[in-house]
Protein backbone atom coordinates (compact mmCIF):
# COMPACT_ATOMS: atom_id res chain seq x y z
CA MET A 1 31.61 -10.34 26.25
CA ALA A 2 32.83 -13.73 25.12
CA THR A 3 34.60 -14.09 21.82
CA THR A 4 31.77 -16.26 20.48
CA ASP A 5 29.27 -13.49 21.30
CA ARG A 6 31.39 -10.90 19.48
CA GLN A 7 31.57 -13.22 16.51
CA ALA A 8 27.80 -13.70 16.63
CA THR A 9 27.26 -9.94 16.68
CA THR A 10 29.62 -9.43 13.74
CA LEU A 11 27.89 -12.20 11.81
CA ALA A 12 24.43 -10.85 12.63
CA LEU A 13 25.46 -7.40 11.40
CA ALA A 14 26.76 -8.90 8.15
CA HIS A 15 23.49 -10.76 7.58
CA ALA A 16 21.48 -7.66 8.47
CA LEU A 17 23.39 -5.55 5.96
CA SER A 18 22.86 -8.21 3.32
CA ALA A 19 19.11 -8.20 4.01
CA ALA A 20 19.07 -4.41 3.78
CA GLU A 21 20.60 -4.64 0.31
CA ARG A 22 17.49 -6.59 -0.69
CA GLY A 23 15.25 -3.78 0.55
CA LEU A 24 14.44 -5.36 3.92
CA ALA A 25 14.47 -2.97 6.90
CA VAL A 26 16.20 -4.45 9.95
CA ILE A 27 16.84 -3.97 13.68
CA PRO A 28 19.28 -5.76 16.03
CA LEU A 29 17.86 -8.53 18.23
CA SER A 30 19.08 -10.14 21.42
CA ARG A 31 19.37 -13.88 22.06
CA THR A 32 15.78 -13.80 23.34
CA LYS A 33 14.55 -12.61 19.91
CA LEU A 34 13.52 -9.27 21.43
CA PRO A 35 14.85 -5.91 20.21
CA ALA A 36 18.39 -5.52 21.55
CA LEU A 37 18.03 -1.80 22.29
CA ARG A 38 16.00 -0.75 25.31
CA SER A 39 13.42 1.99 25.02
CA PRO A 40 14.78 5.46 25.87
CA HIS A 41 11.33 6.26 27.31
CA ARG A 42 11.12 3.44 29.86
CA ASP A 43 11.52 5.91 32.73
CA ASP A 44 9.31 8.65 31.33
CA PRO A 45 7.10 10.16 34.05
CA ASP A 46 3.89 10.05 31.97
CA PRO A 47 3.37 6.59 30.42
CA ALA A 48 -0.06 7.70 29.16
CA ALA A 49 1.55 10.22 26.82
CA PRO A 50 1.30 9.39 23.12
CA PRO A 51 3.99 6.81 22.36
CA CYS A 52 7.13 7.88 20.55
CA HIS A 53 7.85 5.97 17.35
CA GLY A 54 11.36 7.34 16.94
CA GLU A 55 10.53 11.02 16.59
CA CYS A 56 12.94 11.73 19.47
CA GLY A 57 15.85 10.66 17.27
CA ARG A 58 17.16 8.02 19.68
CA PHE A 59 17.30 4.25 19.23
CA GLY A 60 15.15 1.82 21.20
CA HIS A 61 11.75 1.97 19.51
CA GLY A 62 11.71 -1.61 18.30
CA VAL A 63 10.45 -2.15 14.80
CA TYR A 64 9.99 1.60 14.33
CA ASP A 65 13.82 1.89 14.21
CA ALA A 66 14.02 -0.55 11.30
CA SER A 67 16.15 0.73 8.45
CA THR A 68 17.78 -0.23 5.16
CA ASP A 69 20.46 2.46 5.54
CA PRO A 70 23.83 0.70 6.11
CA ALA A 71 25.21 3.57 8.22
CA ARG A 72 22.17 3.58 10.50
CA ILE A 73 22.24 -0.21 10.81
CA ARG A 74 25.89 -0.10 11.87
CA GLU A 75 25.04 2.59 14.43
CA MET A 76 22.28 0.43 15.88
CA PHE A 77 24.52 -2.62 16.17
CA ALA A 78 27.27 -0.48 17.71
CA ALA A 79 24.75 0.61 20.35
CA ALA A 80 23.73 -3.03 20.91
CA PRO A 81 27.03 -4.92 21.35
CA ARG A 82 25.24 -8.02 22.67
CA ALA A 83 22.98 -8.42 19.66
CA THR A 84 23.27 -11.87 18.11
CA GLY A 85 20.53 -11.56 15.54
CA TYR A 86 18.38 -9.18 13.57
CA GLY A 87 14.71 -8.67 12.93
CA ILE A 88 13.13 -7.87 9.59
CA ALA A 89 10.24 -5.40 9.77
CA CYS A 90 7.06 -6.54 8.05
CA GLY A 91 4.63 -4.42 6.08
CA LEU A 92 7.19 -1.91 4.79
CA PRO A 93 7.94 -1.08 1.13
CA PRO A 94 9.15 -2.31 -1.24
CA HIS A 95 8.16 -5.89 -0.29
CA HIS A 96 5.38 -5.21 2.26
CA LEU A 97 6.50 -8.44 3.88
CA ILE A 98 3.98 -10.84 5.44
CA GLY A 99 5.39 -13.66 7.55
CA ILE A 100 3.57 -16.98 7.91
CA ASP A 101 5.02 -18.57 11.06
CA LEU A 102 4.40 -22.32 11.12
CA ASP A 103 5.08 -23.46 14.67
CA THR A 104 5.62 -27.01 15.91
CA LYS A 105 5.18 -26.47 19.65
CA ASN A 106 2.71 -28.53 21.70
CA GLY A 107 2.51 -31.16 18.99
CA THR A 108 0.61 -28.97 16.53
CA ASP A 109 0.93 -29.80 12.83
CA SER A 110 0.77 -26.28 11.45
CA SER A 111 1.94 -27.37 7.99
CA ALA A 112 -1.02 -29.73 7.71
CA ALA A 113 -3.32 -26.95 8.93
CA LEU A 114 -2.00 -24.63 6.21
CA ARG A 115 -2.50 -27.32 3.56
CA GLU A 116 -6.08 -27.78 4.74
CA LEU A 117 -6.69 -24.04 4.52
CA ALA A 118 -5.19 -23.99 1.02
CA LEU A 119 -7.49 -26.81 -0.12
CA ARG A 120 -10.56 -25.28 1.48
CA HIS A 121 -9.96 -21.78 0.10
CA LEU A 122 -8.36 -22.78 -3.20
CA PHE A 123 -4.91 -21.20 -3.04
CA THR A 124 -1.35 -22.41 -3.45
CA ILE A 125 1.73 -21.07 -1.70
CA PRO A 126 4.14 -20.11 -4.53
CA PRO A 127 7.90 -20.75 -4.31
CA THR A 128 9.26 -18.24 -1.85
CA VAL A 129 11.83 -17.64 0.88
CA VAL A 130 11.53 -20.20 3.69
CA VAL A 131 13.42 -19.74 6.96
CA LEU A 132 13.94 -22.73 9.27
CA THR A 133 13.64 -22.02 13.00
CA PRO A 134 15.57 -23.75 15.82
CA SER A 135 12.38 -25.41 17.10
CA GLY A 136 11.71 -27.11 13.77
CA GLY A 137 9.20 -24.56 12.53
CA ARG A 138 9.24 -22.52 9.32
CA HIS A 139 8.73 -18.92 8.33
CA LEU A 140 7.24 -18.36 4.87
CA TRP A 141 7.90 -14.93 3.39
CA LEU A 142 5.17 -13.42 1.23
CA SER A 143 4.77 -10.00 -0.33
CA GLY A 144 1.55 -8.07 0.19
CA PRO A 145 0.00 -5.25 -1.83
CA PRO A 146 0.91 -1.69 -0.76
CA ASP A 147 -2.67 -0.81 0.24
CA ALA A 148 -3.26 -3.84 2.49
CA VAL A 149 -2.43 -3.61 6.19
CA VAL A 150 -2.16 -7.17 7.47
CA PRO A 151 -2.36 -7.30 11.30
CA ASN A 152 -0.28 -9.57 13.51
CA SER A 153 -2.11 -12.56 14.92
CA ALA A 154 -1.40 -15.74 16.83
CA GLY A 155 -3.40 -18.87 16.08
CA ARG A 156 -6.26 -16.97 14.45
CA LEU A 157 -6.03 -18.85 11.14
CA ALA A 158 -5.36 -22.22 12.79
CA PRO A 159 -3.48 -23.57 15.82
CA GLY A 160 0.26 -23.13 15.34
CA ILE A 161 -0.04 -20.56 12.54
CA ASP A 162 1.04 -17.06 13.56
CA ILE A 163 1.05 -14.07 11.23
CA ARG A 164 3.63 -11.29 11.23
CA GLY A 165 2.29 -8.19 9.54
CA ALA A 166 2.44 -4.43 9.93
CA GLY A 167 4.20 -3.48 13.15
CA GLY A 168 5.72 -6.95 13.54
CA TYR A 169 9.02 -8.50 12.58
CA LEU A 170 10.56 -11.81 11.60
CA VAL A 171 13.84 -13.15 12.95
CA GLY A 172 16.24 -12.98 10.02
CA PRO A 173 18.19 -15.98 8.72
CA GLY A 174 21.70 -16.07 10.16
CA SER A 175 20.46 -14.94 13.59
CA ARG A 176 21.55 -16.86 16.68
CA THR A 177 19.22 -17.17 19.68
CA GLU A 178 19.36 -18.98 22.98
CA HIS A 179 17.61 -21.91 21.29
CA GLY A 180 19.74 -22.09 18.14
CA SER A 181 20.17 -20.51 14.72
CA TYR A 182 17.77 -19.45 12.00
CA THR A 183 18.73 -20.62 8.52
CA THR A 184 17.34 -20.28 5.02
CA ALA A 185 15.88 -23.48 3.63
CA PRO A 186 17.97 -24.96 0.79
CA GLY A 187 17.04 -23.59 -2.62
CA THR A 188 15.10 -20.56 -1.34
CA ALA A 189 17.80 -18.03 -0.39
CA HIS A 190 17.93 -16.55 -3.90
CA LEU A 191 14.15 -16.06 -4.13
CA ALA A 192 12.25 -12.84 -3.54
CA PRO A 193 9.17 -12.91 -1.28
CA ALA A 194 6.39 -14.26 -3.50
CA PRO A 195 3.09 -12.37 -3.85
CA CYS A 196 0.55 -13.47 -1.28
CA PRO A 197 -2.31 -15.39 -2.96
CA GLN A 198 -5.49 -13.31 -2.97
CA ALA A 199 -7.54 -16.01 -1.26
CA LEU A 200 -5.01 -16.20 1.57
CA LEU A 201 -4.80 -12.41 1.80
CA ARG A 202 -8.56 -12.26 2.35
CA LEU A 203 -8.13 -14.60 5.32
CA LEU A 204 -5.33 -12.48 6.75
CA LEU A 205 -7.12 -9.13 6.55
CA PRO A 206 -9.56 -8.26 9.36
CA PRO A 207 -13.23 -8.18 8.39
CA PRO A 208 -14.69 -4.74 7.71
CA ARG A 209 -15.86 -3.14 10.93
CA HIS A 210 -17.88 -0.07 11.78
CA HIS A 211 -15.48 2.65 12.80
CA HIS A 212 -15.90 3.95 16.34
CA PRO A 213 -14.01 7.24 16.54
CA THR A 214 -12.75 8.42 19.88
CA PRO A 215 -15.57 10.52 21.37
CA VAL A 216 -14.81 14.22 21.46
CA SER A 217 -15.67 14.24 25.16
CA THR A 218 -12.66 12.07 25.95
CA GLY A 219 -10.27 14.74 24.68
CA SER A 220 -6.62 14.31 23.86
CA HIS A 221 -6.05 12.16 26.95
CA GLY A 222 -8.49 9.54 25.63
CA GLN A 223 -6.84 9.62 22.23
CA GLY A 224 -3.46 9.16 23.92
CA LEU A 225 -4.73 6.04 25.72
CA VAL A 226 -6.01 4.61 22.43
CA GLN A 227 -2.64 5.28 20.76
CA PHE A 228 -0.91 3.64 23.75
CA VAL A 229 -2.87 0.43 23.04
CA LEU A 230 -2.30 0.63 19.28
CA ALA A 231 1.47 0.69 19.84
CA ALA A 232 1.44 -2.62 21.74
CA HIS A 233 3.51 -5.52 20.44
CA GLU A 234 2.73 -9.20 20.96
CA GLY A 235 3.31 -10.09 24.60
CA GLN A 236 2.22 -6.68 25.92
CA ARG A 237 -1.19 -6.22 24.30
CA ASN A 238 -3.34 -7.27 27.27
CA THR A 239 -1.10 -5.41 29.72
CA ARG A 240 -1.30 -2.15 27.76
CA LEU A 241 -5.05 -2.50 27.24
CA PHE A 242 -5.65 -3.17 30.95
CA TRP A 243 -3.49 -0.21 31.99
CA ALA A 244 -5.19 2.16 29.54
CA ALA A 245 -8.67 1.01 30.58
CA CYS A 246 -7.82 1.53 34.27
CA ARG A 247 -6.63 5.07 33.56
CA ALA A 248 -9.78 5.75 31.52
CA TYR A 249 -12.10 4.61 34.32
CA GLU A 250 -10.11 6.49 36.95
CA ASP A 251 -10.41 9.67 34.85
CA GLY A 252 -14.15 9.27 34.32
CA ILE A 253 -14.01 8.49 30.58
CA GLY A 254 -14.08 4.70 30.81
CA PRO A 255 -17.59 4.07 29.38
CA ALA A 256 -16.99 6.49 26.48
CA LEU A 257 -13.64 4.90 25.66
CA VAL A 258 -14.69 1.23 25.68
CA ASP A 259 -15.41 0.96 21.94
CA PRO A 260 -12.28 2.89 20.82
CA LEU A 261 -10.12 0.73 23.12
CA VAL A 262 -11.72 -2.45 21.78
CA GLU A 263 -11.10 -1.24 18.21
CA ALA A 264 -7.45 -0.51 19.05
CA ALA A 265 -7.03 -3.92 20.68
CA LEU A 266 -8.47 -5.65 17.61
CA ASN A 267 -5.90 -3.86 15.46
CA THR A 268 -3.10 -5.31 17.61
CA GLY A 269 -4.37 -8.88 17.17
CA LEU A 270 -6.53 -9.44 20.25
CA SER A 271 -10.00 -10.90 19.79
CA GLU A 272 -13.05 -8.84 20.69
CA ARG A 273 -13.86 -11.27 23.49
CA GLU A 274 -10.36 -10.91 24.99
CA ALA A 275 -10.47 -7.13 24.68
CA ARG A 276 -13.85 -6.70 26.32
CA ALA A 277 -12.93 -9.12 29.12
CA THR A 278 -9.75 -7.16 29.83
CA ILE A 279 -11.62 -3.84 29.89
CA ALA A 280 -14.28 -5.33 32.17
CA SER A 281 -11.54 -6.46 34.56
CA ALA A 282 -10.15 -2.93 34.58
CA ALA A 283 -13.60 -1.55 35.36
CA ARG A 284 -14.01 -3.90 38.32
CA MET A 285 -10.50 -3.18 39.53
CA THR A 286 -11.25 0.55 39.64
CA GLY A 287 -14.63 0.10 41.35
CA HIS A 288 -16.86 0.59 38.31
CA ARG A 289 -19.49 -1.59 36.70
CA PRO A 290 -18.32 -3.05 33.36
């Protein structure tokens, strides 16, 4: 590894340890902003088995490995010598971090969209930590209440506004990626994540829905498929949902599992329309009527 990469890893570790001192749980990231440690279960023979969230004791479970323990953080970075950044897990105590990702891609003015939302719903973003991204975007750090589980979403509030909540992570300031470095905006590094305004929190939380429990007739296999979908991160949600739906139809429990799979997909940030379309595609692929 080049000297500059070693320096980047050392610097990322230092920043990660500093974040951990503030109560922020971290994991090492690669230059692509993905977790730097590969899953130890990638070659498991039964991908439909309930996903492991670190119970096996090994590293490689993404945000589920996140820790504030300095010894554990050093172990993770030692196992990921090419890490050049770190991720900060959202939704965990003591801050229950919520990330407002204001993107600038495709000419969207996400800052203006957030201002419009604030005017329409009568809230103000308080002074808080702001992280500048290499693409010119911004991450606003907010603190949520302990009993609120804010889901991840992309563009649901407005074009260019992504939300990082429970099960998600933010790229930490001081990280280096293939597109550049993440830095704290001047005058905000000393701040703690500000409490999320109640009016904004109501927009971030999913609307109340009728609960559709997994039918008893689907058994533990059906529950395992639902858990497989629930564990999906952004970028793999449709793929996991499609795979699980195919297995369900092949095993004869597809119709009974449609609503639980849709509910699981909604919890990962997919819309109901996307979820049902993906399940219908799986039904057709396996020779069944949606």
